[in-house]
Amino acid sequence: MLTSIPQKSSILIVDDEPANLRLLKKILGSDYRLVFAKNGVEAIRLAGEMAPSLVLLDVMMPDMTGFDVCKTLKENPETRLIPVIFVTALDAEHDEALGFEVGGVDYITKPVSGAIVKARVKTHLSLVQSDELRRTRLQIIQRLGKASEFKDNETGMHVVRMSHYSRILGLAYGLNEEEADNLLNAAPMHDIGKIGIPDSIMLKPGKLTNEEFDVMKTHPEIGAEIIGEVDSDLLILAKSVALTHHEKWDGSGYPNRLAGEDIPLEGRIVAVADVFDALTSKRPYKEPWTIEETVDFMKSQSGKHFEPKLITLLEDCLDQILEIKSTWRDE
């Protein structure tokens, strides 16, 4: 069997009553790959072995209740992300509340309706698929960011550090946690366009000529072209970062000479994070600047290269940024 062909979603159904298992098989068997367990211990073992897409779990079972099973699954890193729907005759409000408290995502009372079971299962599997799609997109972004390192004198730790600096500055600027995390994950794509720059320029040990630097300045547009037209919010953000992180607050940057708030916020933030880490890091062609020298230089570029507010936030967040720098040192 070809493993690259998507298979039916797998559902682990747990109930000590054979009649209930048969009923759920009749409702779901044509659409999903079903596996059955008749007690909690067997359910935990099967969940660990097969990593089902979803668990339908009875509550009242001998030896181990469904609530205990769910708590055990959520305590295990390998099974904690598997969604659990309780299917039970317990219909009191406090039982339902306990089901959610121990980690369940839904609660269906018996006797079950086939239409309700199908709808709830479909809904939660759609959420699982959405999470998986986001993880896949994130992995692609991380891999492409890694690819750009092979064309550069910078280290992989630079990408890690500047991404975390970007998150810190984003939160300080007013982004919420989700927005800041998206920026953290998009920032590694800032130099993806360097893949398209000739090695004779990228790997040149000395100073670039004016003509060579003109070629180098095309990498933001190449990066945006590599990412292309996409409908993923994360990739749209990554494309904006790639295209705008060399724009300058006074309009003297490249490739489009954007100025001020015409530069997307993500580009303005990544510009600060990228330059700060580049200046404070050792390269084959330079020694690292001290923190004091770097901050003084960046303050001198406030209102020119960088948005003034971000330079103020850089100083305010310097302790957090230096902690990241210490944690992710170059080897």
C-alpha atoms as a PDB file:
ATOM      1  CA  MET A   1       0.000   0.000   0.000  1.00  0.00           C
ATOM      2  CA  LEU A   2       1.321   3.457  -0.931  1.00  0.00           C
ATOM      3  CA  THR A   3       1.769   5.399   2.285  1.00  0.00           C
ATOM      4  CA  SER A   4       1.584   8.735   0.434  1.00  0.00           C
ATOM      5  CA  ILE A   5      -2.088   8.178  -0.418  1.00  0.00           C
ATOM      6  CA  PRO A   6      -4.261   9.612   2.393  1.00  0.00           C
ATOM      7  CA  GLN A   7      -6.126   6.942   4.320  1.00  0.00           C
ATOM      8  CA  LYS A   8      -9.437   7.205   6.130  1.00  0.00           C
ATOM      9  CA  SER A   9      -9.264   8.914   9.490  1.00  0.00           C
ATOM     10  CA  SER A  10      -8.976   6.404  12.319  1.00  0.00           C
ATOM     11  CA  ILE A  11     -11.282   6.450  15.332  1.00  0.00           C
ATOM     12  CA  LEU A  12     -10.777   4.504  18.546  1.00  0.00           C
ATOM     13  CA  ILE A  13     -14.152   3.621  20.100  1.00  0.00           C
ATOM     14  CA  VAL A  14     -14.112   2.605  23.759  1.00  0.00           C
ATOM     15  CA  ASP A  15     -17.142   1.019  25.464  1.00  0.00           C
ATOM     16  CA  ASP A  16     -17.631  -2.054  27.651  1.00  0.00           C
ATOM     17  CA  GLU A  17     -21.034  -2.800  26.094  1.00  0.00           C
ATOM     18  CA  PRO A  18     -20.820  -4.746  22.776  1.00  0.00           C
ATOM     19  CA  ALA A  19     -24.203  -3.383  21.685  1.00  0.00           C
ATOM     20  CA  ASN A  20     -22.890   0.180  21.890  1.00  0.00           C
ATOM     21  CA  LEU A  21     -19.818  -0.748  19.864  1.00  0.00           C
ATOM     22  CA  ARG A  22     -22.005  -2.329  17.195  1.00  0.00           C
ATOM     23  CA  LEU A  23     -24.219   0.761  17.017  1.00  0.00           C
ATOM     24  CA  LEU A  24     -21.292   3.145  16.597  1.00  0.00           C
ATOM     25  CA  LYS A  25     -19.795   0.820  13.992  1.00  0.00           C
ATOM     26  CA  LYS A  26     -23.063   1.001  12.038  1.00  0.00           C
ATOM     27  CA  ILE A  27     -23.083   4.814  12.248  1.00  0.00           C
ATOM     28  CA  LEU A  28     -19.414   5.455  11.410  1.00  0.00           C
ATOM     29  CA  GLY A  29     -18.035   2.301   9.811  1.00  0.00           C
ATOM     30  CA  SER A  30     -18.507   3.321   6.174  1.00  0.00           C
ATOM     31  CA  ASP A  31     -16.660   6.619   6.563  1.00  0.00           C
ATOM     32  CA  TYR A  32     -13.815   5.907   8.982  1.00  0.00           C
ATOM     33  CA  ARG A  33     -11.321   3.256   9.981  1.00  0.00           C
ATOM     34  CA  LEU A  34     -12.557   2.006  13.348  1.00  0.00           C
ATOM     35  CA  VAL A  35     -10.713   0.272  16.164  1.00  0.00           C
ATOM     36  CA  PHE A  36     -12.489  -0.936  19.311  1.00  0.00           C
ATOM     37  CA  ALA A  37     -11.555  -1.309  22.963  1.00  0.00           C
ATOM     38  CA  LYS A  38     -13.710  -2.701  25.774  1.00  0.00           C
ATOM     39  CA  ASN A  39     -11.877  -1.199  28.760  1.00  0.00           C
ATOM     40  CA  GLY A  40      -9.656   1.681  29.733  1.00  0.00           C
ATOM     41  CA  VAL A  41      -6.348  -0.171  29.877  1.00  0.00           C
ATOM     42  CA  GLU A  42      -6.833  -1.515  26.362  1.00  0.00           C
ATOM     43  CA  ALA A  43      -7.865   1.939  25.157  1.00  0.00           C
ATOM     44  CA  ILE A  44      -4.692   3.553  26.494  1.00  0.00           C
ATOM     45  CA  ARG A  45      -2.538   0.849  24.907  1.00  0.00           C
ATOM     46  CA  LEU A  46      -4.231   1.157  21.504  1.00  0.00           C
ATOM     47  CA  ALA A  47      -4.111   4.970  21.570  1.00  0.00           C
ATOM     48  CA  GLY A  48      -0.352   4.805  22.127  1.00  0.00           C
ATOM     49  CA  GLU A  49       0.185   2.216  19.395  1.00  0.00           C
ATOM     50  CA  MET A  50      -2.049   3.561  16.623  1.00  0.00           C
ATOM     51  CA  ALA A  51      -2.335   7.306  17.371  1.00  0.00           C
ATOM     52  CA  PRO A  52      -5.976   7.558  16.250  1.00  0.00           C
ATOM     53  CA  SER A  53      -7.366  10.764  14.817  1.00  0.00           C
ATOM     54  CA  LEU A  54     -10.116  10.775  17.439  1.00  0.00           C
ATOM     55  CA  VAL A  55     -11.329   8.813  20.485  1.00  0.00           C
ATOM     56  CA  LEU A  56     -15.003   8.137  21.297  1.00  0.00           C
ATOM     57  CA  LEU A  57     -14.970   7.237  24.973  1.00  0.00           C
ATOM     58  CA  ASP A  58     -17.592   5.800  27.319  1.00  0.00           C
ATOM     59  CA  VAL A  59     -17.436   7.006  30.917  1.00  0.00           C
ATOM     60  CA  MET A  60     -18.903   4.252  33.076  1.00  0.00           C
ATOM     61  CA  MET A  61     -16.612   1.245  32.625  1.00  0.00           C
ATOM     62  CA  PRO A  62     -15.306  -1.274  35.173  1.00  0.00           C
ATOM     63  CA  ASP A  63     -11.853  -0.750  36.766  1.00  0.00           C
ATOM     64  CA  MET A  64     -11.112   2.524  34.993  1.00  0.00           C
ATOM     65  CA  THR A  65     -13.602   5.253  34.120  1.00  0.00           C
ATOM     66  CA  GLY A  66     -13.516   7.188  30.882  1.00  0.00           C
ATOM     67  CA  PHE A  67     -12.553  10.309  32.829  1.00  0.00           C
ATOM     68  CA  ASP A  68      -9.474   8.479  34.135  1.00  0.00           C
ATOM     69  CA  VAL A  69      -8.636   7.251  30.654  1.00  0.00           C
ATOM     70  CA  CYS A  70      -8.846  10.766  29.255  1.00  0.00           C
ATOM     71  CA  LYS A  71      -6.652  12.187  32.028  1.00  0.00           C
ATOM     72  CA  THR A  72      -4.043   9.492  31.309  1.00  0.00           C
ATOM     73  CA  LEU A  73      -4.084  10.235  27.577  1.00  0.00           C
ATOM     74  CA  LYS A  74      -3.660  13.965  28.216  1.00  0.00           C
ATOM     75  CA  GLU A  75      -0.696  13.373  30.535  1.00  0.00           C
ATOM     76  CA  ASN A  76       1.189  11.465  27.827  1.00  0.00           C
ATOM     77  CA  PRO A  77       2.991  13.735  25.301  1.00  0.00           C
ATOM     78  CA  GLU A  78       2.425  11.145  22.577  1.00  0.00           C
ATOM     79  CA  THR A  79      -1.367  11.046  23.006  1.00  0.00           C
ATOM     80  CA  ARG A  80      -2.275  14.383  24.590  1.00  0.00           C
ATOM     81  CA  LEU A  81      -3.261  16.015  21.277  1.00  0.00           C
ATOM     82  CA  ILE A  82      -5.735  13.291  20.307  1.00  0.00           C
ATOM     83  CA  PRO A  83      -9.245  14.766  20.709  1.00  0.00           C
ATOM     84  CA  VAL A  84     -11.576  12.823  23.012  1.00  0.00           C
ATOM     85  CA  ILE A  85     -15.359  12.874  22.710  1.00  0.00           C
ATOM     86  CA  PHE A  86     -17.236  11.373  25.633  1.00  0.00           C
ATOM     87  CA  VAL A  87     -20.241   9.194  24.693  1.00  0.00           C
ATOM     88  CA  THR A  88     -22.119   8.361  27.879  1.00  0.00           C
ATOM     89  CA  ALA A  89     -25.450   7.889  29.601  1.00  0.00           C
ATOM     90  CA  LEU A  90     -24.371  10.378  32.287  1.00  0.00           C
ATOM     91  CA  ASP A  91     -26.327  13.518  31.493  1.00  0.00           C
ATOM     92  CA  ALA A  92     -25.933  15.603  34.657  1.00  0.00           C
ATOM     93  CA  GLU A  93     -24.392  19.033  34.217  1.00  0.00           C
ATOM     94  CA  HIS A  94     -21.540  18.316  36.637  1.00  0.00           C
ATOM     95  CA  ASP A  95     -20.601  15.138  34.684  1.00  0.00           C
ATOM     96  CA  GLU A  96     -20.392  17.110  31.454  1.00  0.00           C
ATOM     97  CA  ALA A  97     -18.326  19.791  33.187  1.00  0.00           C
ATOM     98  CA  LEU A  98     -15.931  17.137  34.496  1.00  0.00           C
ATOM     99  CA  GLY A  99     -15.582  15.722  30.991  1.00  0.00           C
ATOM    100  CA  PHE A 100     -14.356  19.065  29.703  1.00  0.00           C
ATOM    101  CA  GLU A 101     -12.197  19.585  32.792  1.00  0.00           C
ATOM    102  CA  VAL A 102     -10.215  16.385  32.176  1.00  0.00           C
ATOM    103  CA  GLY A 103      -9.563  17.306  28.539  1.00  0.00           C
ATOM    104  CA  GLY A 104     -12.538  16.170  26.470  1.00  0.00           C
ATOM    105  CA  VAL A 105     -13.497  18.266  23.438  1.00  0.00           C
ATOM    106  CA  ASP A 106     -17.159  17.238  23.301  1.00  0.00           C
ATOM    107  CA  TYR A 107     -19.819  15.331  25.233  1.00  0.00           C
ATOM    108  CA  ILE A 108     -22.590  13.224  23.627  1.00  0.00           C
ATOM    109  CA  THR A 109     -25.271  11.611  25.781  1.00  0.00           C
ATOM    110  CA  LYS A 110     -26.829   8.200  25.178  1.00  0.00           C
ATOM    111  CA  PRO A 111     -28.992   7.036  23.549  1.00  0.00           C
ATOM    112  CA  VAL A 112     -27.051   8.514  20.658  1.00  0.00           C
ATOM    113  CA  SER A 113     -28.419  10.020  17.480  1.00  0.00           C
ATOM    114  CA  GLY A 114     -26.584   8.859  14.376  1.00  0.00           C
ATOM    115  CA  ALA A 115     -26.836  12.321  12.809  1.00  0.00           C
ATOM    116  CA  ILE A 116     -25.402  14.010  15.914  1.00  0.00           C
ATOM    117  CA  VAL A 117     -22.515  11.532  16.200  1.00  0.00           C
ATOM    118  CA  LYS A 118     -21.615  11.976  12.529  1.00  0.00           C
ATOM    119  CA  ALA A 119     -21.763  15.766  12.768  1.00  0.00           C
ATOM    120  CA  ARG A 120     -19.674  16.002  15.942  1.00  0.00           C
ATOM    121  CA  VAL A 121     -17.064  13.565  14.630  1.00  0.00           C
ATOM    122  CA  LYS A 122     -16.809  15.424  11.324  1.00  0.00           C
ATOM    123  CA  THR A 123     -16.428  18.760  13.086  1.00  0.00           C
ATOM    124  CA  HIS A 124     -13.612  17.646  15.355  1.00  0.00           C
ATOM    125  CA  LEU A 125     -11.770  15.780  12.601  1.00  0.00           C
ATOM    126  CA  SER A 126     -11.914  18.967  10.522  1.00  0.00           C
ATOM    127  CA  LEU A 127     -10.259  20.819  13.392  1.00  0.00           C
ATOM    128  CA  VAL A 128      -7.582  18.114  13.590  1.00  0.00           C
ATOM    129  CA  GLN A 129      -6.942  18.435   9.857  1.00  0.00           C
ATOM    130  CA  SER A 130      -6.723  22.224  10.135  1.00  0.00           C
ATOM    131  CA  ASP A 131      -4.137  21.908  12.914  1.00  0.00           C
ATOM    132  CA  GLU A 132      -2.178  19.391  10.860  1.00  0.00           C
ATOM    133  CA  LEU A 133      -2.255  21.666   7.806  1.00  0.00           C
ATOM    134  CA  ARG A 134      -0.916  24.543   9.889  1.00  0.00           C
ATOM    135  CA  ARG A 135       1.855  22.351  11.295  1.00  0.00           C
ATOM    136  CA  THR A 136       2.761  21.219   7.776  1.00  0.00           C
ATOM    137  CA  ARG A 137       2.879  24.776   6.492  1.00  0.00           C
ATOM    138  CA  LEU A 138       5.025  25.766   9.454  1.00  0.00           C
ATOM    139  CA  GLN A 139       7.431  22.897   8.740  1.00  0.00           C
ATOM    140  CA  ILE A 140       7.696  24.025   5.098  1.00  0.00           C
ATOM    141  CA  ILE A 141       8.512  27.562   6.214  1.00  0.00           C
ATOM    142  CA  GLN A 142      11.146  26.282   8.636  1.00  0.00           C
ATOM    143  CA  ARG A 143      12.715  24.032   5.988  1.00  0.00           C
ATOM    144  CA  LEU A 144      12.838  26.830   3.403  1.00  0.00           C
ATOM    145  CA  GLY A 145      14.368  29.128   6.009  1.00  0.00           C
ATOM    146  CA  LYS A 146      16.961  26.444   6.659  1.00  0.00           C
ATOM    147  CA  ALA A 147      17.676  26.186   2.918  1.00  0.00           C
ATOM    148  CA  SER A 148      18.614  29.867   2.740  1.00  0.00           C
ATOM    149  CA  GLU A 149      21.348  29.300   5.348  1.00  0.00           C
ATOM    150  CA  PHE A 150      23.280  27.194   2.828  1.00  0.00           C
ATOM    151  CA  LYS A 151      23.739  30.326   0.703  1.00  0.00           C
ATOM    152  CA  ASP A 152      24.927  32.605   3.456  1.00  0.00           C
ATOM    153  CA  ASN A 153      27.807  33.236   5.824  1.00  0.00           C
ATOM    154  CA  GLU A 154      25.299  33.584   8.653  1.00  0.00           C
ATOM    155  CA  THR A 155      24.610  30.707  11.032  1.00  0.00           C
ATOM    156  CA  GLY A 156      21.375  28.920  11.794  1.00  0.00           C
ATOM    157  CA  MET A 157      21.476  30.443  15.249  1.00  0.00           C
ATOM    158  CA  HIS A 158      21.117  33.884  13.667  1.00  0.00           C
ATOM    159  CA  VAL A 159      17.749  32.867  12.252  1.00  0.00           C
ATOM    160  CA  VAL A 160      16.614  31.468  15.600  1.00  0.00           C
ATOM    161  CA  ARG A 161      17.734  34.526  17.541  1.00  0.00           C
ATOM    162  CA  MET A 162      16.318  37.174  15.228  1.00  0.00           C
ATOM    163  CA  SER A 163      13.007  35.299  15.075  1.00  0.00           C
ATOM    164  CA  HIS A 164      12.732  35.380  18.864  1.00  0.00           C
ATOM    165  CA  TYR A 165      13.807  39.026  18.948  1.00  0.00           C
ATOM    166  CA  SER A 166      11.003  39.743  16.471  1.00  0.00           C
ATOM    167  CA  ARG A 167       8.471  38.050  18.734  1.00  0.00           C
ATOM    168  CA  ILE A 168       9.628  40.030  21.767  1.00  0.00           C
ATOM    169  CA  LEU A 169       9.454  43.324  19.871  1.00  0.00           C
ATOM    170  CA  GLY A 170       6.084  42.405  18.391  1.00  0.00           C
ATOM    171  CA  LEU A 171       4.571  41.771  21.818  1.00  0.00           C
ATOM    172  CA  ALA A 172       6.038  45.027  23.118  1.00  0.00           C
ATOM    173  CA  TYR A 173       4.577  46.884  20.123  1.00  0.00           C
ATOM    174  CA  GLY A 174       1.097  45.538  20.908  1.00  0.00           C
ATOM    175  CA  LEU A 175       0.708  42.307  18.963  1.00  0.00           C
ATOM    176  CA  ASN A 176      -1.273  39.604  20.726  1.00  0.00           C
ATOM    177  CA  GLU A 177       0.270  36.210  21.489  1.00  0.00           C
ATOM    178  CA  GLU A 178      -0.991  34.559  18.294  1.00  0.00           C
ATOM    179  CA  GLU A 179       0.217  37.415  16.095  1.00  0.00           C
ATOM    180  CA  ALA A 180       3.621  37.405  17.796  1.00  0.00           C
ATOM    181  CA  ASP A 181       3.930  33.634  17.392  1.00  0.00           C
ATOM    182  CA  ASN A 182       3.078  33.958  13.701  1.00  0.00           C
ATOM    183  CA  LEU A 183       5.823  36.559  13.338  1.00  0.00           C
ATOM    184  CA  LEU A 184       8.256  34.250  15.154  1.00  0.00           C
ATOM    185  CA  ASN A 185       7.457  31.508  12.639  1.00  0.00           C
ATOM    186  CA  ALA A 186       7.489  33.745   9.556  1.00  0.00           C
ATOM    187  CA  ALA A 187      10.728  35.594  10.339  1.00  0.00           C
ATOM    188  CA  PRO A 188      13.026  32.688   9.321  1.00  0.00           C
ATOM    189  CA  MET A 189      11.896  33.286   5.716  1.00  0.00           C
ATOM    190  CA  HIS A 190      13.290  36.829   5.617  1.00  0.00           C
ATOM    191  CA  ASP A 191      16.306  35.895   3.478  1.00  0.00           C
ATOM    192  CA  ILE A 192      14.823  33.018   1.472  1.00  0.00           C
ATOM    193  CA  GLY A 193      15.480  35.030  -1.704  1.00  0.00           C
ATOM    194  CA  LYS A 194      19.229  34.588  -1.259  1.00  0.00           C
ATOM    195  CA  ILE A 195      18.733  31.134  -2.757  1.00  0.00           C
ATOM    196  CA  GLY A 196      18.477  32.950  -6.091  1.00  0.00           C
ATOM    197  CA  ILE A 197      21.692  34.998  -5.708  1.00  0.00           C
ATOM    198  CA  PRO A 198      24.800  33.581  -7.457  1.00  0.00           C
ATOM    199  CA  ASP A 199      27.392  31.913  -5.205  1.00  0.00           C
ATOM    200  CA  SER A 200      30.080  34.202  -6.592  1.00  0.00           C
ATOM    201  CA  ILE A 201      28.304  37.062  -4.839  1.00  0.00           C
ATOM    202  CA  MET A 202      26.833  35.287  -1.818  1.00  0.00           C
ATOM    203  CA  LEU A 203      30.077  33.615  -0.806  1.00  0.00           C
ATOM    204  CA  LYS A 204      32.481  36.395  -1.763  1.00  0.00           C
ATOM    205  CA  PRO A 205      34.815  36.984   1.209  1.00  0.00           C
ATOM    206  CA  GLY A 206      35.503  40.626   0.431  1.00  0.00           C
ATOM    207  CA  LYS A 207      33.418  43.741  -0.143  1.00  0.00           C
ATOM    208  CA  LEU A 208      30.897  43.610  -2.966  1.00  0.00           C
ATOM    209  CA  THR A 209      31.224  45.919  -5.950  1.00  0.00           C
ATOM    210  CA  ASN A 210      28.346  48.285  -6.700  1.00  0.00           C
ATOM    211  CA  GLU A 211      27.185  45.971  -9.482  1.00  0.00           C
ATOM    212  CA  GLU A 212      27.330  42.937  -7.189  1.00  0.00           C
ATOM    213  CA  PHE A 213      25.432  44.771  -4.464  1.00  0.00           C
ATOM    214  CA  ASP A 214      22.725  45.686  -6.976  1.00  0.00           C
ATOM    215  CA  VAL A 215      22.288  41.970  -7.637  1.00  0.00           C
ATOM    216  CA  MET A 216      22.232  41.249  -3.894  1.00  0.00           C
ATOM    217  CA  LYS A 217      19.462  43.817  -3.450  1.00  0.00           C
ATOM    218  CA  THR A 218      17.159  41.707  -5.617  1.00  0.00           C
ATOM    219  CA  HIS A 219      16.851  39.000  -2.958  1.00  0.00           C
ATOM    220  CA  PRO A 220      13.705  40.425  -1.289  1.00  0.00           C
ATOM    221  CA  GLU A 221      11.802  40.274  -4.576  1.00  0.00           C
ATOM    222  CA  ILE A 222      13.177  36.819  -5.305  1.00  0.00           C
ATOM    223  CA  GLY A 223      12.004  35.728  -1.860  1.00  0.00           C
ATOM    224  CA  ALA A 224       8.504  37.042  -2.485  1.00  0.00           C
ATOM    225  CA  GLU A 225       8.456  35.263  -5.847  1.00  0.00           C
ATOM    226  CA  ILE A 226       9.575  31.975  -4.264  1.00  0.00           C
ATOM    227  CA  ILE A 227       6.719  32.109  -1.755  1.00  0.00           C
ATOM    228  CA  GLY A 228       4.333  33.165  -4.506  1.00  0.00           C
ATOM    229  CA  GLU A 229       0.590  33.762  -4.385  1.00  0.00           C
ATOM    230  CA  VAL A 230      -0.701  31.903  -1.340  1.00  0.00           C
ATOM    231  CA  ASP A 231      -3.858  31.774   0.780  1.00  0.00           C
ATOM    232  CA  SER A 232      -2.178  30.808   4.056  1.00  0.00           C
ATOM    233  CA  ASP A 233      -2.039  33.683   6.555  1.00  0.00           C
ATOM    234  CA  LEU A 234       1.334  32.449   7.779  1.00  0.00           C
ATOM    235  CA  LEU A 235       2.830  32.312   4.273  1.00  0.00           C
ATOM    236  CA  ILE A 236       1.347  35.711   3.409  1.00  0.00           C
ATOM    237  CA  LEU A 237       3.120  37.079   6.483  1.00  0.00           C
ATOM    238  CA  ALA A 238       6.364  35.323   5.508  1.00  0.00           C
ATOM    239  CA  LYS A 239       6.138  36.824   2.008  1.00  0.00           C
ATOM    240  CA  SER A 240       5.708  40.306   3.455  1.00  0.00           C
ATOM    241  CA  VAL A 241       8.707  39.802   5.745  1.00  0.00           C
ATOM    242  CA  ALA A 242      10.859  38.588   2.850  1.00  0.00           C
ATOM    243  CA  LEU A 243       9.865  41.529   0.644  1.00  0.00           C
ATOM    244  CA  THR A 244      10.024  44.409   3.134  1.00  0.00           C
ATOM    245  CA  HIS A 245      12.721  43.752   5.753  1.00  0.00           C
ATOM    246  CA  HIS A 246      15.259  45.912   3.886  1.00  0.00           C
ATOM    247  CA  GLU A 247      12.961  48.927   3.557  1.00  0.00           C
ATOM    248  CA  LYS A 248      13.945  51.908   5.708  1.00  0.00           C
ATOM    249  CA  TRP A 249      11.810  54.288   7.744  1.00  0.00           C
ATOM    250  CA  ASP A 250      13.097  57.321   5.761  1.00  0.00           C
ATOM    251  CA  GLY A 251      12.346  55.705   2.382  1.00  0.00           C
ATOM    252  CA  SER A 252      15.953  55.016   1.386  1.00  0.00           C
ATOM    253  CA  GLY A 253      15.687  51.213   1.566  1.00  0.00           C
ATOM    254  CA  TYR A 254      14.973  48.604  -1.057  1.00  0.00           C
ATOM    255  CA  PRO A 255      13.392  47.171  -3.156  1.00  0.00           C
ATOM    256  CA  ASN A 256      10.446  49.627  -3.261  1.00  0.00           C
ATOM    257  CA  ARG A 257      11.695  52.617  -1.244  1.00  0.00           C
ATOM    258  CA  LEU A 258       8.721  52.420   1.097  1.00  0.00           C
ATOM    259  CA  ALA A 259       8.732  54.887   3.986  1.00  0.00           C
ATOM    260  CA  GLY A 260       7.226  55.145   7.463  1.00  0.00           C
ATOM    261  CA  GLU A 261       4.049  53.220   8.096  1.00  0.00           C
ATOM    262  CA  ASP A 262       3.803  52.270   4.411  1.00  0.00           C
ATOM    263  CA  ILE A 263       6.307  49.602   5.440  1.00  0.00           C
ATOM    264  CA  PRO A 264       4.302  46.720   6.961  1.00  0.00           C
ATOM    265  CA  LEU A 265       4.846  46.393  10.706  1.00  0.00           C
ATOM    266  CA  GLU A 266       6.335  42.909  10.298  1.00  0.00           C
ATOM    267  CA  GLY A 267       8.990  44.298   7.953  1.00  0.00           C
ATOM    268  CA  ARG A 268       9.845  47.118  10.352  1.00  0.00           C
ATOM    269  CA  ILE A 269      10.172  44.721  13.295  1.00  0.00           C
ATOM    270  CA  VAL A 270      12.274  42.141  11.448  1.00  0.00           C
ATOM    271  CA  ALA A 271      14.579  44.902  10.182  1.00  0.00           C
ATOM    272  CA  VAL A 272      15.452  45.836  13.767  1.00  0.00           C
ATOM    273  CA  ALA A 273      15.826  42.228  14.916  1.00  0.00           C
ATOM    274  CA  ASP A 274      17.932  41.247  11.894  1.00  0.00           C
ATOM    275  CA  VAL A 275      20.372  44.153  12.127  1.00  0.00           C
ATOM    276  CA  PHE A 276      20.762  43.896  15.906  1.00  0.00           C
ATOM    277  CA  ASP A 277      21.748  40.254  15.672  1.00  0.00           C
ATOM    278  CA  ALA A 278      23.989  40.762  12.634  1.00  0.00           C
ATOM    279  CA  LEU A 279      25.962  43.518  14.350  1.00  0.00           C
ATOM    280  CA  THR A 280      26.386  41.651  17.644  1.00  0.00           C
ATOM    281  CA  SER A 281      27.470  38.389  15.977  1.00  0.00           C
ATOM    282  CA  LYS A 282      30.872  37.264  14.714  1.00  0.00           C
ATOM    283  CA  ARG A 283      31.169  36.686  10.978  1.00  0.00           C
ATOM    284  CA  PRO A 284      34.086  35.510   8.826  1.00  0.00           C
ATOM    285  CA  TYR A 285      34.528  39.123   7.703  1.00  0.00           C
ATOM    286  CA  LYS A 286      33.951  40.916  11.057  1.00  0.00           C
ATOM    287  CA  GLU A 287      34.194  40.723  14.814  1.00  0.00           C
ATOM    288  CA  PRO A 288      31.032  41.181  16.893  1.00  0.00           C
ATOM    289  CA  TRP A 289      30.142  44.663  18.021  1.00  0.00           C
ATOM    290  CA  THR A 290      29.537  45.194  21.719  1.00  0.00           C
ATOM    291  CA  ILE A 291      25.967  45.618  22.896  1.00  0.00           C
ATOM    292  CA  GLU A 292      26.699  49.258  23.752  1.00  0.00           C
ATOM    293  CA  GLU A 293      28.128  49.963  20.288  1.00  0.00           C
ATOM    294  CA  THR A 294      25.186  48.258  18.625  1.00  0.00           C
ATOM    295  CA  VAL A 295      22.531  50.082  20.644  1.00  0.00           C
ATOM    296  CA  ASP A 296      24.268  53.430  20.077  1.00  0.00           C
ATOM    297  CA  PHE A 297      24.423  52.804  16.337  1.00  0.00           C
ATOM    298  CA  MET A 298      20.785  51.735  16.133  1.00  0.00           C
ATOM    299  CA  LYS A 299      19.730  54.807  18.139  1.00  0.00           C
ATOM    300  CA  SER A 300      21.636  56.923  15.605  1.00  0.00           C
ATOM    301  CA  GLN A 301      19.559  55.272  12.885  1.00  0.00           C
ATOM    302  CA  SER A 302      16.237  55.935  14.642  1.00  0.00           C
ATOM    303  CA  GLY A 303      14.012  57.806  12.192  1.00  0.00           C
ATOM    304  CA  LYS A 304      16.373  56.914   9.349  1.00  0.00           C
ATOM    305  CA  HIS A 305      16.718  53.151   8.980  1.00  0.00           C
ATOM    306  CA  PHE A 306      14.391  52.205  11.831  1.00  0.00           C
ATOM    307  CA  GLU A 307      11.042  53.271  13.226  1.00  0.00           C
ATOM    308  CA  PRO A 308      11.791  55.343  16.363  1.00  0.00           C
ATOM    309  CA  LYS A 309       9.199  53.518  18.463  1.00  0.00           C
ATOM    310  CA  LEU A 310      10.907  50.192  17.770  1.00  0.00           C
ATOM    311  CA  ILE A 311      14.297  51.506  18.851  1.00  0.00           C
ATOM    312  CA  THR A 312      12.747  52.637  22.130  1.00  0.00           C
ATOM    313  CA  LEU A 313      11.192  49.186  22.546  1.00  0.00           C
ATOM    314  CA  LEU A 314      14.530  47.553  21.714  1.00  0.00           C
ATOM    315  CA  GLU A 315      16.090  49.355  24.674  1.00  0.00           C
ATOM    316  CA  ASP A 316      13.120  48.547  26.907  1.00  0.00           C
ATOM    317  CA  CYS A 317      13.305  44.836  26.001  1.00  0.00           C
ATOM    318  CA  LEU A 318      17.087  44.554  25.977  1.00  0.00           C
ATOM    319  CA  ASP A 319      17.250  42.187  28.971  1.00  0.00           C
ATOM    320  CA  GLN A 320      14.864  39.728  27.268  1.00  0.00           C
ATOM    321  CA  ILE A 321      16.747  39.999  24.007  1.00  0.00           C
ATOM    322  CA  LEU A 322      20.113  39.384  25.653  1.00  0.00           C
ATOM    323  CA  GLU A 323      18.659  36.327  27.382  1.00  0.00           C
ATOM    324  CA  ILE A 324      17.710  34.933  23.958  1.00  0.00           C
ATOM    325  CA  LYS A 325      21.176  35.784  22.652  1.00  0.00           C
ATOM    326  CA  SER A 326      22.765  33.895  25.540  1.00  0.00           C
ATOM    327  CA  THR A 327      20.470  30.880  25.106  1.00  0.00           C
ATOM    328  CA  TRP A 328      21.049  30.514  21.339  1.00  0.00           C
ATOM    329  CA  ARG A 329      24.785  31.178  21.068  1.00  0.00           C
ATOM    330  CA  ASP A 330      26.734  30.322  17.928  1.00  0.00           C
ATOM    331  CA  GLU A 331      28.674  27.104  18.324  1.00  0.00           C
END
